[in-house]
Amino acid sequence: MPSALDATPLDGQLVGDGMDEIADLAIRAEDAGFRRLWAPELYRSATIPLAAAVAATDRIEVGTGIALAFTRSPMVLALEALDLDEFSGGRFVLGLGAGVRRLNESWHAAAYRPAVARMRELVAAVRELIAALAERRDARAPGRHYDIHVRGLRRPGPPRRAAIPVWLAAVRPRMTALAGEIADGFLDHPVTSPEWMAERIRPALQEAADRAGRPRPEFGGGAITAVSDEDPDAARRAAALSVGFYATVKSYEELFAEHGFADRLPPIRRAFAAEDADRLADAVGIDMTRAFAAAGSAGEVRARLERYAEVSDRLWLVPPHHMQSPPAVARWQRALLVAFAR
């Protein structure tokens, strides 16, 4: 009988130092049997790297993981989705997230509040625009935050699909409930624990889906994952740095506090502000790293990921990338693909 991990589709993270490296990673992931690659949006956009990935591959799915929803217009999101779906031959998934308020308002000069109501209208508008452009008709998506009316625009050429899957990412209860109500899938934040997934996220998704009279959306669990048989301690330290980065984000305070780590947050933030990686890893500690990541030898990581797989429909393995050099990130990526090749 296969283990939960062996039976769970695996997704990877698409990051790289240059488009050639991104294309090479996509090829390696496809050859290793990974099902989907998610491109984050922080140091790069969530869309352009996917073009490099799909040009280099034939089968693996790709998704924005996640694109910041409020920093683009619904029309731009729809056009990017249609383009990437066309380029990939129907392998594209549109992953959207609200991000945090400071990032939206200070980095992008984009409106953020009310985030849940805004996201609801944006998803409806994007879906309507995708369908209208694919069906060569006018588009209408009325709303308070997004009031879209497109007349006369006809996209040349046949589309791959008139409906592209929309996945939502969330940490807080109301956005999670919205995903249960309207999304095709839910992408979990990689810093959440399997216990948080089982006790907080999946029930909220299911309850919202039940209220909406629809099936629960597919659940993609995320896990910060670092594998090294040669130096398991280095893997644990790298994972601790990623956990520490997320512990500095105010929006995630409740998550860490409910796991009993509220007292760690002040020293973690001081170490992060000082850009002191050793202090940061020490402030996080082995117990906090284990709570929020799967790190160490291949056997240790596999054992920990079994718990993640038990509560996920698919599993997204995210290598450490905070306070890591590009070559180090590439090594963690390759180690994941080797350790979990199918």
C-alpha atoms as a PDB file:
ATOM      1  CA  MET A   1       0.000   0.000   0.000  1.00  0.00           C
ATOM      2  CA  PRO A   2       1.550   3.342  -1.018  1.00  0.00           C
ATOM      3  CA  SER A   3       2.258   5.938   1.623  1.00  0.00           C
ATOM      4  CA  ALA A   4       0.322   9.203   1.663  1.00  0.00           C
ATOM      5  CA  LEU A   5       3.359  10.995   0.260  1.00  0.00           C
ATOM      6  CA  ASP A   6       3.798   8.515  -2.595  1.00  0.00           C
ATOM      7  CA  ALA A   7       0.135   8.927  -3.532  1.00  0.00           C
ATOM      8  CA  THR A   8       0.139  12.741  -3.436  1.00  0.00           C
ATOM      9  CA  PRO A   9       0.970  14.780  -6.566  1.00  0.00           C
ATOM     10  CA  LEU A  10       4.005  16.979  -5.996  1.00  0.00           C
ATOM     11  CA  ASP A  11       4.456  20.567  -7.150  1.00  0.00           C
ATOM     12  CA  GLY A  12       7.636  22.631  -7.151  1.00  0.00           C
ATOM     13  CA  GLN A  13       8.720  26.250  -6.925  1.00  0.00           C
ATOM     14  CA  LEU A  14       9.952  27.997 -10.073  1.00  0.00           C
ATOM     15  CA  VAL A  15      12.782  30.311  -9.094  1.00  0.00           C
ATOM     16  CA  GLY A  16      16.166  30.737 -10.711  1.00  0.00           C
ATOM     17  CA  ASP A  17      19.077  33.053 -11.379  1.00  0.00           C
ATOM     18  CA  GLY A  18      18.270  33.868 -15.007  1.00  0.00           C
ATOM     19  CA  MET A  19      15.833  32.506 -17.557  1.00  0.00           C
ATOM     20  CA  ASP A  20      18.196  29.750 -18.720  1.00  0.00           C
ATOM     21  CA  GLU A  21      18.306  28.390 -15.169  1.00  0.00           C
ATOM     22  CA  ILE A  22      14.521  28.675 -14.871  1.00  0.00           C
ATOM     23  CA  ALA A  23      14.082  26.716 -18.114  1.00  0.00           C
ATOM     24  CA  ASP A  24      16.566  24.076 -16.925  1.00  0.00           C
ATOM     25  CA  LEU A  25      14.728  23.729 -13.619  1.00  0.00           C
ATOM     26  CA  ALA A  26      11.439  23.249 -15.458  1.00  0.00           C
ATOM     27  CA  ILE A  27      12.962  20.464 -17.558  1.00  0.00           C
ATOM     28  CA  ARG A  28      14.413  18.772 -14.461  1.00  0.00           C
ATOM     29  CA  ALA A  29      11.074  19.017 -12.629  1.00  0.00           C
ATOM     30  CA  GLU A  30       9.185  17.533 -15.560  1.00  0.00           C
ATOM     31  CA  ASP A  31      11.694  14.686 -15.853  1.00  0.00           C
ATOM     32  CA  ALA A  32      11.408  14.070 -12.091  1.00  0.00           C
ATOM     33  CA  GLY A  33       7.641  13.604 -12.354  1.00  0.00           C
ATOM     34  CA  PHE A  34       6.561  16.783 -10.615  1.00  0.00           C
ATOM     35  CA  ARG A  35       3.052  17.818 -11.670  1.00  0.00           C
ATOM     36  CA  ARG A  36       3.147  21.629 -11.514  1.00  0.00           C
ATOM     37  CA  LEU A  37       5.534  24.523 -11.013  1.00  0.00           C
ATOM     38  CA  TRP A  38       4.418  27.635  -9.142  1.00  0.00           C
ATOM     39  CA  ALA A  39       6.176  30.936  -9.897  1.00  0.00           C
ATOM     40  CA  PRO A  40       6.261  33.368  -6.947  1.00  0.00           C
ATOM     41  CA  GLU A  41       6.092  37.128  -7.232  1.00  0.00           C
ATOM     42  CA  LEU A  42       8.707  38.963  -5.221  1.00  0.00           C
ATOM     43  CA  TYR A  43      12.098  39.327  -6.901  1.00  0.00           C
ATOM     44  CA  ARG A  44      10.555  38.480 -10.282  1.00  0.00           C
ATOM     45  CA  SER A  45       7.068  38.685 -11.690  1.00  0.00           C
ATOM     46  CA  ALA A  46       4.880  35.599 -11.379  1.00  0.00           C
ATOM     47  CA  THR A  47       4.191  35.466 -15.126  1.00  0.00           C
ATOM     48  CA  ILE A  48       7.354  35.998 -17.200  1.00  0.00           C
ATOM     49  CA  PRO A  49       9.286  33.002 -15.757  1.00  0.00           C
ATOM     50  CA  LEU A  50       6.361  30.762 -16.725  1.00  0.00           C
ATOM     51  CA  ALA A  51       6.893  31.645 -20.394  1.00  0.00           C
ATOM     52  CA  ALA A  52      10.463  30.359 -20.122  1.00  0.00           C
ATOM     53  CA  ALA A  53       9.251  27.209 -18.356  1.00  0.00           C
ATOM     54  CA  VAL A  54       6.540  26.290 -20.851  1.00  0.00           C
ATOM     55  CA  ALA A  55       8.834  26.905 -23.829  1.00  0.00           C
ATOM     56  CA  ALA A  56      11.222  24.298 -22.417  1.00  0.00           C
ATOM     57  CA  THR A  57       8.679  21.619 -21.428  1.00  0.00           C
ATOM     58  CA  ASP A  58       5.808  19.549 -22.804  1.00  0.00           C
ATOM     59  CA  ARG A  59       3.766  18.159 -19.912  1.00  0.00           C
ATOM     60  CA  ILE A  60       4.288  19.863 -16.572  1.00  0.00           C
ATOM     61  CA  GLU A  61       1.619  22.363 -15.518  1.00  0.00           C
ATOM     62  CA  VAL A  62       2.553  25.900 -14.525  1.00  0.00           C
ATOM     63  CA  GLY A  63       0.883  28.440 -12.272  1.00  0.00           C
ATOM     64  CA  THR A  64       1.362  31.869 -10.812  1.00  0.00           C
ATOM     65  CA  GLY A  65       2.088  31.096  -7.193  1.00  0.00           C
ATOM     66  CA  ILE A  66       1.039  33.644  -6.440  1.00  0.00           C
ATOM     67  CA  ALA A  67       0.398  36.712  -8.581  1.00  0.00           C
ATOM     68  CA  LEU A  68      -0.518  39.756  -6.518  1.00  0.00           C
ATOM     69  CA  ALA A  69      -4.137  40.250  -7.464  1.00  0.00           C
ATOM     70  CA  PHE A  70      -4.639  43.931  -6.715  1.00  0.00           C
ATOM     71  CA  THR A  71      -1.517  45.237  -8.445  1.00  0.00           C
ATOM     72  CA  ARG A  72      -2.866  44.401 -11.912  1.00  0.00           C
ATOM     73  CA  SER A  73      -6.121  45.286 -13.610  1.00  0.00           C
ATOM     74  CA  PRO A  74      -8.572  42.451 -14.306  1.00  0.00           C
ATOM     75  CA  MET A  75      -7.916  42.977 -18.026  1.00  0.00           C
ATOM     76  CA  VAL A  76      -4.155  42.536 -17.645  1.00  0.00           C
ATOM     77  CA  LEU A  77      -4.688  39.403 -15.545  1.00  0.00           C
ATOM     78  CA  ALA A  78      -7.086  37.990 -18.139  1.00  0.00           C
ATOM     79  CA  LEU A  79      -4.725  38.723 -21.042  1.00  0.00           C
ATOM     80  CA  GLU A  80      -1.739  37.225 -19.231  1.00  0.00           C
ATOM     81  CA  ALA A  81      -3.776  34.131 -18.354  1.00  0.00           C
ATOM     82  CA  LEU A  82      -4.973  33.666 -21.928  1.00  0.00           C
ATOM     83  CA  ASP A  83      -1.467  34.169 -23.293  1.00  0.00           C
ATOM     84  CA  LEU A  84       0.156  31.705 -20.898  1.00  0.00           C
ATOM     85  CA  ASP A  85      -2.611  29.171 -21.445  1.00  0.00           C
ATOM     86  CA  GLU A  86      -2.071  29.487 -25.190  1.00  0.00           C
ATOM     87  CA  PHE A  87       1.730  29.230 -24.934  1.00  0.00           C
ATOM     88  CA  SER A  88       1.527  26.198 -22.640  1.00  0.00           C
ATOM     89  CA  GLY A  89      -1.128  24.320 -24.576  1.00  0.00           C
ATOM     90  CA  GLY A  90      -3.658  24.514 -21.749  1.00  0.00           C
ATOM     91  CA  ARG A  91      -1.243  23.813 -18.862  1.00  0.00           C
ATOM     92  CA  PHE A  92      -1.728  27.104 -17.024  1.00  0.00           C
ATOM     93  CA  VAL A  93      -3.335  27.803 -13.632  1.00  0.00           C
ATOM     94  CA  LEU A  94      -3.953  31.369 -12.425  1.00  0.00           C
ATOM     95  CA  GLY A  95      -2.959  31.587  -8.769  1.00  0.00           C
ATOM     96  CA  LEU A  96      -3.934  34.826  -7.035  1.00  0.00           C
ATOM     97  CA  GLY A  97      -3.349  36.251  -3.587  1.00  0.00           C
ATOM     98  CA  ALA A  98      -4.005  39.518  -1.813  1.00  0.00           C
ATOM     99  CA  GLY A  99      -0.557  39.802  -0.262  1.00  0.00           C
ATOM    100  CA  VAL A 100      -0.263  42.111   2.728  1.00  0.00           C
ATOM    101  CA  ARG A 101      -1.434  45.685   3.048  1.00  0.00           C
ATOM    102  CA  ARG A 102       1.985  47.353   3.269  1.00  0.00           C
ATOM    103  CA  LEU A 103       3.260  45.607   0.161  1.00  0.00           C
ATOM    104  CA  ASN A 104       0.218  46.630  -1.871  1.00  0.00           C
ATOM    105  CA  GLU A 105       0.027  50.211  -0.694  1.00  0.00           C
ATOM    106  CA  SER A 106       3.703  51.101  -0.207  1.00  0.00           C
ATOM    107  CA  TRP A 107       5.385  49.040  -2.918  1.00  0.00           C
ATOM    108  CA  HIS A 108       2.721  49.113  -5.617  1.00  0.00           C
ATOM    109  CA  ALA A 109       0.540  52.130  -4.753  1.00  0.00           C
ATOM    110  CA  ALA A 110      -2.406  49.743  -5.102  1.00  0.00           C
ATOM    111  CA  ALA A 111      -5.680  49.756  -3.165  1.00  0.00           C
ATOM    112  CA  TYR A 112      -5.937  46.874  -0.694  1.00  0.00           C
ATOM    113  CA  ARG A 113      -8.973  47.228   1.556  1.00  0.00           C
ATOM    114  CA  PRO A 114     -11.515  45.684   1.744  1.00  0.00           C
ATOM    115  CA  ALA A 115      -9.412  42.750   0.611  1.00  0.00           C
ATOM    116  CA  VAL A 116     -12.045  39.996   0.617  1.00  0.00           C
ATOM    117  CA  ALA A 117     -14.713  42.015  -1.186  1.00  0.00           C
ATOM    118  CA  ARG A 118     -12.126  43.253  -3.658  1.00  0.00           C
ATOM    119  CA  MET A 119     -10.894  39.723  -4.357  1.00  0.00           C
ATOM    120  CA  ARG A 120     -14.409  38.429  -4.904  1.00  0.00           C
ATOM    121  CA  GLU A 121     -15.108  41.071  -7.545  1.00  0.00           C
ATOM    122  CA  LEU A 122     -11.704  40.722  -9.174  1.00  0.00           C
ATOM    123  CA  VAL A 123     -12.033  36.954  -9.660  1.00  0.00           C
ATOM    124  CA  ALA A 124     -15.504  37.416 -11.159  1.00  0.00           C
ATOM    125  CA  ALA A 125     -14.201  40.108 -13.508  1.00  0.00           C
ATOM    126  CA  VAL A 126     -11.190  38.060 -14.624  1.00  0.00           C
ATOM    127  CA  ARG A 127     -13.341  35.012 -15.314  1.00  0.00           C
ATOM    128  CA  GLU A 128     -15.828  37.099 -17.285  1.00  0.00           C
ATOM    129  CA  LEU A 129     -13.069  38.731 -19.332  1.00  0.00           C
ATOM    130  CA  ILE A 130     -11.397  35.390 -20.093  1.00  0.00           C
ATOM    131  CA  ALA A 131     -14.707  33.901 -21.217  1.00  0.00           C
ATOM    132  CA  ALA A 132     -15.709  36.951 -23.261  1.00  0.00           C
ATOM    133  CA  LEU A 133     -12.365  37.237 -25.031  1.00  0.00           C
ATOM    134  CA  ALA A 134     -12.340  33.504 -25.738  1.00  0.00           C
ATOM    135  CA  GLU A 135     -15.932  33.579 -27.016  1.00  0.00           C
ATOM    136  CA  ARG A 136     -15.370  36.803 -28.993  1.00  0.00           C
ATOM    137  CA  ARG A 137     -18.115  38.777 -27.262  1.00  0.00           C
ATOM    138  CA  ASP A 138     -18.470  41.879 -25.117  1.00  0.00           C
ATOM    139  CA  ALA A 139     -17.690  41.590 -21.394  1.00  0.00           C
ATOM    140  CA  ARG A 140     -19.637  42.917 -18.421  1.00  0.00           C
ATOM    141  CA  ALA A 141     -18.634  42.515 -14.778  1.00  0.00           C
ATOM    142  CA  PRO A 142     -20.407  45.066 -12.566  1.00  0.00           C
ATOM    143  CA  GLY A 143     -19.051  45.774  -9.116  1.00  0.00           C
ATOM    144  CA  ARG A 144     -18.203  48.394  -6.566  1.00  0.00           C
ATOM    145  CA  HIS A 145     -14.436  47.927  -6.747  1.00  0.00           C
ATOM    146  CA  TYR A 146     -14.159  46.596 -10.295  1.00  0.00           C
ATOM    147  CA  ASP A 147     -16.810  47.775 -12.733  1.00  0.00           C
ATOM    148  CA  ILE A 148     -15.830  46.319 -16.101  1.00  0.00           C
ATOM    149  CA  HIS A 149     -17.570  46.866 -19.437  1.00  0.00           C
ATOM    150  CA  VAL A 150     -15.649  45.962 -22.600  1.00  0.00           C
ATOM    151  CA  ARG A 151     -17.287  46.609 -25.956  1.00  0.00           C
ATOM    152  CA  GLY A 152     -16.017  45.700 -29.388  1.00  0.00           C
ATOM    153  CA  LEU A 153     -12.709  44.063 -28.394  1.00  0.00           C
ATOM    154  CA  ARG A 154     -12.207  40.778 -30.221  1.00  0.00           C
ATOM    155  CA  ARG A 155      -9.094  38.698 -29.539  1.00  0.00           C
ATOM    156  CA  PRO A 156      -7.664  37.219 -32.743  1.00  0.00           C
ATOM    157  CA  GLY A 157      -7.082  33.502 -33.018  1.00  0.00           C
ATOM    158  CA  PRO A 158      -8.768  30.610 -31.234  1.00  0.00           C
ATOM    159  CA  PRO A 159      -8.203  30.341 -27.455  1.00  0.00           C
ATOM    160  CA  ARG A 160      -7.124  27.175 -25.719  1.00  0.00           C
ATOM    161  CA  ARG A 161      -9.953  27.420 -23.170  1.00  0.00           C
ATOM    162  CA  ALA A 162     -12.773  29.771 -22.243  1.00  0.00           C
ATOM    163  CA  ALA A 163     -12.307  28.962 -18.535  1.00  0.00           C
ATOM    164  CA  ILE A 164      -8.900  28.837 -16.854  1.00  0.00           C
ATOM    165  CA  PRO A 165      -8.606  27.453 -13.296  1.00  0.00           C
ATOM    166  CA  VAL A 166      -8.310  30.147 -10.628  1.00  0.00           C
ATOM    167  CA  TRP A 167      -6.593  29.231  -7.367  1.00  0.00           C
ATOM    168  CA  LEU A 168      -6.564  31.494  -4.332  1.00  0.00           C
ATOM    169  CA  ALA A 169      -3.966  31.703  -1.593  1.00  0.00           C
ATOM    170  CA  ALA A 170      -4.808  32.779   1.946  1.00  0.00           C
ATOM    171  CA  VAL A 171      -3.717  32.653   5.569  1.00  0.00           C
ATOM    172  CA  ARG A 172      -6.586  34.407   7.342  1.00  0.00           C
ATOM    173  CA  PRO A 173     -10.070  32.895   7.838  1.00  0.00           C
ATOM    174  CA  ARG A 174     -12.175  35.224   5.676  1.00  0.00           C
ATOM    175  CA  MET A 175     -10.016  34.917   2.565  1.00  0.00           C
ATOM    176  CA  THR A 176      -9.803  31.163   3.129  1.00  0.00           C
ATOM    177  CA  ALA A 177     -13.590  31.025   3.260  1.00  0.00           C
ATOM    178  CA  LEU A 178     -13.798  33.010   0.021  1.00  0.00           C
ATOM    179  CA  ALA A 179     -11.552  30.433  -1.634  1.00  0.00           C
ATOM    180  CA  GLY A 180     -13.886  27.687  -0.449  1.00  0.00           C
ATOM    181  CA  GLU A 181     -16.802  29.570  -1.955  1.00  0.00           C
ATOM    182  CA  ILE A 182     -15.445  30.595  -5.378  1.00  0.00           C
ATOM    183  CA  ALA A 183     -11.986  29.157  -6.190  1.00  0.00           C
ATOM    184  CA  ASP A 184     -11.040  26.124  -8.261  1.00  0.00           C
ATOM    185  CA  GLY A 185      -8.200  25.419  -5.860  1.00  0.00           C
ATOM    186  CA  PHE A 186      -6.521  26.669  -2.686  1.00  0.00           C
ATOM    187  CA  LEU A 187      -2.768  27.196  -2.418  1.00  0.00           C
ATOM    188  CA  ASP A 188      -1.587  27.021   1.160  1.00  0.00           C
ATOM    189  CA  HIS A 189       1.140  29.301   2.473  1.00  0.00           C
ATOM    190  CA  PRO A 190       4.381  27.293   2.788  1.00  0.00           C
ATOM    191  CA  VAL A 191       4.969  28.381   6.393  1.00  0.00           C
ATOM    192  CA  THR A 192       1.772  26.835   7.764  1.00  0.00           C
ATOM    193  CA  SER A 193       2.060  23.572   9.677  1.00  0.00           C
ATOM    194  CA  PRO A 194       0.152  20.375   8.810  1.00  0.00           C
ATOM    195  CA  GLU A 195      -1.729  20.781  12.096  1.00  0.00           C
ATOM    196  CA  TRP A 196      -2.881  24.280  11.051  1.00  0.00           C
ATOM    197  CA  MET A 197      -3.943  22.871   7.671  1.00  0.00           C
ATOM    198  CA  ALA A 198      -5.947  20.085   9.264  1.00  0.00           C
ATOM    199  CA  GLU A 199      -7.543  22.078  12.072  1.00  0.00           C
ATOM    200  CA  ARG A 200      -8.017  25.537  10.570  1.00  0.00           C
ATOM    201  CA  ILE A 201      -7.718  25.678   6.789  1.00  0.00           C
ATOM    202  CA  ARG A 202      -9.398  22.550   5.455  1.00  0.00           C
ATOM    203  CA  PRO A 203     -12.448  22.873   7.738  1.00  0.00           C
ATOM    204  CA  ALA A 204     -12.873  26.536   6.739  1.00  0.00           C
ATOM    205  CA  LEU A 205     -12.667  25.609   3.063  1.00  0.00           C
ATOM    206  CA  GLN A 206     -15.140  22.771   3.493  1.00  0.00           C
ATOM    207  CA  GLU A 207     -17.643  24.843   5.475  1.00  0.00           C
ATOM    208  CA  ALA A 208     -17.572  27.660   2.921  1.00  0.00           C
ATOM    209  CA  ALA A 209     -17.951  25.210   0.047  1.00  0.00           C
ATOM    210  CA  ASP A 210     -20.888  23.548   1.796  1.00  0.00           C
ATOM    211  CA  ARG A 211     -22.603  26.922   2.287  1.00  0.00           C
ATOM    212  CA  ALA A 212     -22.113  27.673  -1.400  1.00  0.00           C
ATOM    213  CA  GLY A 213     -23.467  24.262  -2.398  1.00  0.00           C
ATOM    214  CA  ARG A 214     -20.326  23.225  -4.243  1.00  0.00           C
ATOM    215  CA  PRO A 215     -17.461  20.727  -3.825  1.00  0.00           C
ATOM    216  CA  ARG A 216     -14.501  21.793  -1.722  1.00  0.00           C
ATOM    217  CA  PRO A 217     -11.749  23.227  -3.965  1.00  0.00           C
ATOM    218  CA  GLU A 218      -8.598  21.202  -4.443  1.00  0.00           C
ATOM    219  CA  PHE A 219      -6.208  21.779  -1.550  1.00  0.00           C
ATOM    220  CA  GLY A 220      -2.534  22.379  -2.314  1.00  0.00           C
ATOM    221  CA  GLY A 221      -0.549  22.130   0.890  1.00  0.00           C
ATOM    222  CA  GLY A 222       2.752  24.006   1.047  1.00  0.00           C
ATOM    223  CA  ALA A 223       5.933  23.004   2.866  1.00  0.00           C
ATOM    224  CA  ILE A 224       9.307  24.712   3.228  1.00  0.00           C
ATOM    225  CA  THR A 225      11.564  21.780   2.338  1.00  0.00           C
ATOM    226  CA  ALA A 226      15.351  21.415   2.562  1.00  0.00           C
ATOM    227  CA  VAL A 227      17.108  18.091   1.946  1.00  0.00           C
ATOM    228  CA  SER A 228      20.760  17.151   2.466  1.00  0.00           C
ATOM    229  CA  ASP A 229      22.124  13.751   3.422  1.00  0.00           C
ATOM    230  CA  GLU A 230      25.642  15.213   3.429  1.00  0.00           C
ATOM    231  CA  ASP A 231      24.821  18.061   5.838  1.00  0.00           C
ATOM    232  CA  PRO A 232      21.385  17.763   7.471  1.00  0.00           C
ATOM    233  CA  ASP A 233      22.205  20.590   9.873  1.00  0.00           C
ATOM    234  CA  ALA A 234      22.785  22.962   6.953  1.00  0.00           C
ATOM    235  CA  ALA A 235      19.365  22.001   5.589  1.00  0.00           C
ATOM    236  CA  ARG A 236      17.740  22.699   8.940  1.00  0.00           C
ATOM    237  CA  ARG A 237      19.530  26.049   9.201  1.00  0.00           C
ATOM    238  CA  ALA A 238      18.454  27.107   5.703  1.00  0.00           C
ATOM    239  CA  ALA A 239      14.847  26.190   6.491  1.00  0.00           C
ATOM    240  CA  ALA A 240      15.066  28.122   9.771  1.00  0.00           C
ATOM    241  CA  LEU A 241      16.014  31.275   7.864  1.00  0.00           C
ATOM    242  CA  SER A 242      12.895  31.016   5.696  1.00  0.00           C
ATOM    243  CA  VAL A 243      10.715  30.383   8.740  1.00  0.00           C
ATOM    244  CA  GLY A 244      12.356  33.368  10.399  1.00  0.00           C
ATOM    245  CA  PHE A 245      11.638  35.627   7.445  1.00  0.00           C
ATOM    246  CA  TYR A 246       7.916  34.838   7.580  1.00  0.00           C
ATOM    247  CA  ALA A 247       7.930  35.285  11.356  1.00  0.00           C
ATOM    248  CA  THR A 248       8.788  38.961  10.811  1.00  0.00           C
ATOM    249  CA  VAL A 249       5.525  39.579   8.910  1.00  0.00           C
ATOM    250  CA  LYS A 250       2.876  41.110  11.148  1.00  0.00           C
ATOM    251  CA  SER A 251       0.015  39.423   9.286  1.00  0.00           C
ATOM    252  CA  TYR A 252       1.323  36.015  10.379  1.00  0.00           C
ATOM    253  CA  GLU A 253       1.620  36.772  14.110  1.00  0.00           C
ATOM    254  CA  GLU A 254      -1.530  34.819  14.951  1.00  0.00           C
ATOM    255  CA  LEU A 255      -0.216  31.733  13.174  1.00  0.00           C
ATOM    256  CA  PHE A 256       3.026  31.666  15.162  1.00  0.00           C
ATOM    257  CA  ALA A 257       1.367  32.643  18.435  1.00  0.00           C
ATOM    258  CA  GLU A 258      -1.176  29.831  18.218  1.00  0.00           C
ATOM    259  CA  HIS A 259       1.687  27.375  17.831  1.00  0.00           C
ATOM    260  CA  GLY A 260       3.224  28.686  21.053  1.00  0.00           C
ATOM    261  CA  PHE A 261       6.019  30.773  19.543  1.00  0.00           C
ATOM    262  CA  ALA A 262       4.873  34.325  20.330  1.00  0.00           C
ATOM    263  CA  ASP A 263       7.911  34.883  22.561  1.00  0.00           C
ATOM    264  CA  ARG A 264      10.269  34.082  19.663  1.00  0.00           C
ATOM    265  CA  LEU A 265       8.990  36.869  17.427  1.00  0.00           C
ATOM    266  CA  PRO A 266      10.803  39.877  19.003  1.00  0.00           C
ATOM    267  CA  PRO A 267      14.299  38.303  18.901  1.00  0.00           C
ATOM    268  CA  ILE A 268      13.619  36.964  15.420  1.00  0.00           C
ATOM    269  CA  ARG A 269      12.714  40.436  14.207  1.00  0.00           C
ATOM    270  CA  ARG A 270      15.792  41.973  15.795  1.00  0.00           C
ATOM    271  CA  ALA A 271      18.066  39.399  14.172  1.00  0.00           C
ATOM    272  CA  PHE A 272      16.375  39.858  10.800  1.00  0.00           C
ATOM    273  CA  ALA A 273      16.661  43.653  11.004  1.00  0.00           C
ATOM    274  CA  ALA A 274      20.376  43.254  11.783  1.00  0.00           C
ATOM    275  CA  GLU A 275      20.725  40.944   8.732  1.00  0.00           C
ATOM    276  CA  ASP A 276      22.439  38.428  11.020  1.00  0.00           C
ATOM    277  CA  ALA A 277      21.705  34.970   9.604  1.00  0.00           C
ATOM    278  CA  ASP A 278      23.325  33.079  12.499  1.00  0.00           C
ATOM    279  CA  ARG A 279      21.325  34.990  15.115  1.00  0.00           C
ATOM    280  CA  LEU A 280      18.161  34.535  13.081  1.00  0.00           C
ATOM    281  CA  ALA A 281      18.583  30.762  12.791  1.00  0.00           C
ATOM    282  CA  ASP A 282      19.329  30.521  16.528  1.00  0.00           C
ATOM    283  CA  ALA A 283      16.315  32.683  17.402  1.00  0.00           C
ATOM    284  CA  VAL A 284      14.029  30.417  15.368  1.00  0.00           C
ATOM    285  CA  GLY A 285      15.454  27.236  16.860  1.00  0.00           C
ATOM    286  CA  ILE A 286      15.120  23.573  15.945  1.00  0.00           C
ATOM    287  CA  ASP A 287      11.634  23.154  17.439  1.00  0.00           C
ATOM    288  CA  MET A 288      10.134  26.097  15.553  1.00  0.00           C
ATOM    289  CA  THR A 289      11.840  24.978  12.337  1.00  0.00           C
ATOM    290  CA  ARG A 290      10.379  21.502  12.714  1.00  0.00           C
ATOM    291  CA  ALA A 291       6.921  22.934  13.355  1.00  0.00           C
ATOM    292  CA  PHE A 292       6.880  24.905  10.113  1.00  0.00           C
ATOM    293  CA  ALA A 293       9.226  23.074   7.735  1.00  0.00           C
ATOM    294  CA  ALA A 294      10.513  19.701   6.597  1.00  0.00           C
ATOM    295  CA  ALA A 295      14.306  19.788   6.771  1.00  0.00           C
ATOM    296  CA  GLY A 296      17.270  17.481   7.317  1.00  0.00           C
ATOM    297  CA  SER A 297      18.260  14.199   5.696  1.00  0.00           C
ATOM    298  CA  ALA A 298      16.106  12.709   2.942  1.00  0.00           C
ATOM    299  CA  GLY A 299      14.679  10.182   5.397  1.00  0.00           C
ATOM    300  CA  GLU A 300      13.830  12.843   7.962  1.00  0.00           C
ATOM    301  CA  VAL A 301      12.199  15.053   5.360  1.00  0.00           C
ATOM    302  CA  ARG A 302      10.178  12.206   3.897  1.00  0.00           C
ATOM    303  CA  ALA A 303       8.885  11.252   7.326  1.00  0.00           C
ATOM    304  CA  ARG A 304       7.843  14.827   8.066  1.00  0.00           C
ATOM    305  CA  LEU A 305       6.209  15.303   4.664  1.00  0.00           C
ATOM    306  CA  GLU A 306       4.020  12.251   5.265  1.00  0.00           C
ATOM    307  CA  ARG A 307       2.019  14.368   7.702  1.00  0.00           C
ATOM    308  CA  TYR A 308       1.688  17.183   5.160  1.00  0.00           C
ATOM    309  CA  ALA A 309       0.561  14.702   2.508  1.00  0.00           C
ATOM    310  CA  GLU A 310      -2.103  13.254   4.782  1.00  0.00           C
ATOM    311  CA  VAL A 311      -3.952  16.586   4.820  1.00  0.00           C
ATOM    312  CA  SER A 312      -3.270  17.739   1.225  1.00  0.00           C
ATOM    313  CA  ASP A 313      -4.706  16.870  -2.172  1.00  0.00           C
ATOM    314  CA  ARG A 314      -1.372  17.901  -3.670  1.00  0.00           C
ATOM    315  CA  LEU A 315       1.843  19.090  -2.048  1.00  0.00           C
ATOM    316  CA  TRP A 316       3.931  22.135  -2.965  1.00  0.00           C
ATOM    317  CA  LEU A 317       7.599  21.759  -1.962  1.00  0.00           C
ATOM    318  CA  VAL A 318       9.269  25.147  -1.481  1.00  0.00           C
ATOM    319  CA  PRO A 319      13.074  25.308  -1.122  1.00  0.00           C
ATOM    320  CA  PRO A 320      14.669  27.798   1.271  1.00  0.00           C
ATOM    321  CA  HIS A 321      15.380  31.073  -0.468  1.00  0.00           C
ATOM    322  CA  HIS A 322      15.541  33.751   2.236  1.00  0.00           C
ATOM    323  CA  MET A 323      19.121  34.803   3.085  1.00  0.00           C
ATOM    324  CA  GLN A 324      20.325  32.250   0.524  1.00  0.00           C
ATOM    325  CA  SER A 325      22.572  32.989  -2.444  1.00  0.00           C
ATOM    326  CA  PRO A 326      21.211  32.119  -5.914  1.00  0.00           C
ATOM    327  CA  PRO A 327      23.598  29.124  -6.183  1.00  0.00           C
ATOM    328  CA  ALA A 328      22.392  27.878  -2.785  1.00  0.00           C
ATOM    329  CA  VAL A 329      18.748  28.143  -3.829  1.00  0.00           C
ATOM    330  CA  ALA A 330      19.566  26.198  -6.990  1.00  0.00           C
ATOM    331  CA  ARG A 331      21.221  23.464  -4.915  1.00  0.00           C
ATOM    332  CA  TRP A 332      18.180  23.170  -2.629  1.00  0.00           C
ATOM    333  CA  GLN A 333      15.942  23.014  -5.705  1.00  0.00           C
ATOM    334  CA  ARG A 334      17.965  20.254  -7.357  1.00  0.00           C
ATOM    335  CA  ALA A 335      18.172  18.276  -4.113  1.00  0.00           C
ATOM    336  CA  LEU A 336      14.380  18.307  -3.843  1.00  0.00           C
ATOM    337  CA  LEU A 337      13.937  17.047  -7.378  1.00  0.00           C
ATOM    338  CA  VAL A 338      16.431  14.229  -6.826  1.00  0.00           C
ATOM    339  CA  ALA A 339      15.021  13.196  -3.443  1.00  0.00           C
ATOM    340  CA  PHE A 340      11.404  13.082  -4.614  1.00  0.00           C
ATOM    341  CA  ALA A 341      11.727  12.020  -8.258  1.00  0.00           C
ATOM    342  CA  ARG A 342       9.044   9.609  -9.451  1.00  0.00           C
END
